[in-house]
């Protein structure tokens, strides 16, 4: 009878019920966004839903991040943009990091023979030309389909109506460098503190009417409103009041540069990363070295695979320290540095014990005479965009032009103040990265893409200083060698190592037994406490069978989101919603 059949069928279903199944993750067929803030993820998905492409959405994400995450990046800073245009099949890079002002010289941070750290961090000397807005203008005009007014609308809305303070934004206010910036600038305090002088706490609503007005004027009149005339003069005057050497002509003449991406293959996949002066060259070298190991058979985060990753990282950073600089000013041997042959030569130096590596002979760049946010977007038409943008330190140099609503960068600090001088990010460089007017400082930013059968498979990148390179490396390895999706790869425990002396940083989740084996191999372990995480802040989108999978890092307020047919969106990460 019917009741007997139903019972038998129910038992059959129970017996067939699987013991495990795929976890729910953010994915959709109409495109996806991954970035460090839910407001910016929503902005990108909003533009995709209105018919914009990945490039339109990218500009919306970038401008919204400039409003809601001013401690990471903004219109007072710069960016590296890597894009794949499905119409042409080309992968291109746009260097909008910003350059040194024309009058800048190699001794910019030197007084009486000593490097002045205060100038590097907080002075007008620390400011590079802000390149973000010019870059977004190029992206929109060359690759986009919408107007600046269209794509700026979500950012202006957030600034005008208010946005919830991010967890990271609240946390940074207690940083010593930010406290110094507050003391130096009344305009900074007025913009980023409450009227009573207290900090905004996580989730509390803050507004920025000044940047709303500025973005509205830029949207109406174009980016020249920012780079020429009254606004440019205000910016230049304040920089120079704090010790800078800017001229209005620096702002007026600034143009981002197109860079040919560096490329390699890894286990049959094609990889493209941003060219020097970014970190992409080091990333490619590390992948090429790592390809000499059978990482998959070693297992994920075993002592053997961590050792292989660590040695590859140290070799790549050793070469990067002397070999790289702005290719418009120094002769960087990119072909050799990214070759499989060179990588194998470097691989042979790595043994079963932890090594300390010097840079390879003959790779020094020859002189010619004369805190960060990452996001990615993919769309249904096959376009892909990966961008890292920054003002460098928390709130850059802390210089706020009163009435304009943004903070200026301190990207000049990424130049070598003197040969061998250590930066605040624990890196030292040779003369190739010396300060020179019009030059772009060396950067760890490494927006990257992985292609399968000629189509974008993974758009990825990270924030976090030098951990950008090592984090992106592990993200790509986790995707290719261990078949992880963005949600899986971003939540795995990460490691980081620049030199043996500085130590091997290991996040919680890598077993004590594994750490003990690594110590026996000669590694100096620097454990990360269970309640903390390294600033390895990955964002990625992956395309599998025309479905887009997105995830944002949980190390900050990351949020991945996907667009479904009919305009429905799926979001993950730290969510702030109004009741």
Foldseek 3Di string as FASTA:
>chain_A
DVVVVVVVVVVVCVVVDDPDDDDDFFWAQFKWKWWFAPLLRVLLLVCSVVVKAFLLSVLLSQALCQQQVQQWFHQQAFKKKWKAALVVLDIWIWGQGAAQAQPDFLQLQPDPRDGNVLCLQFFLALFGARRHQLVSVCSCVPPIDDALLVSNVSNLCCQAVWDFHFQVNQVCCPDPLNVVLVVVDPLLQVQQHPPVSHHRHGGDIDHFNLQSVVSVCCRVPNCCVCLDDDNLVLVQVLSVVRPHDHDSVRSVPDHIDMDRWQWDDAPRWIKTKRDPLEQALLLLLLRLLLSVDLLLVCPPLFLVNVLSLQLSQQQSLQQNQFQGFFCVFWPHPSVLSNDSVNSVVSSVVDDLFDDFDHHDPPRGTHGDPPSWIWMKMHGLSQMIMIMIRGLDGRLASSDDSRSNNHGHHSQSLLAASAQQDAGPLGGGHGPRRRHHHPTHGRFHWMFMFIGDPSGTFKTKFFDAGVLRSSLVSQLVCCCPSVVDAQVVSLPDWGWDDHGQVVFIETEPPNDPVRVVVNVVSPTHYDYDDPVAHHRGWMWMWGADPSMIGTWGHQNTQMKMKYAYPPGDMDMDGDDRDDD
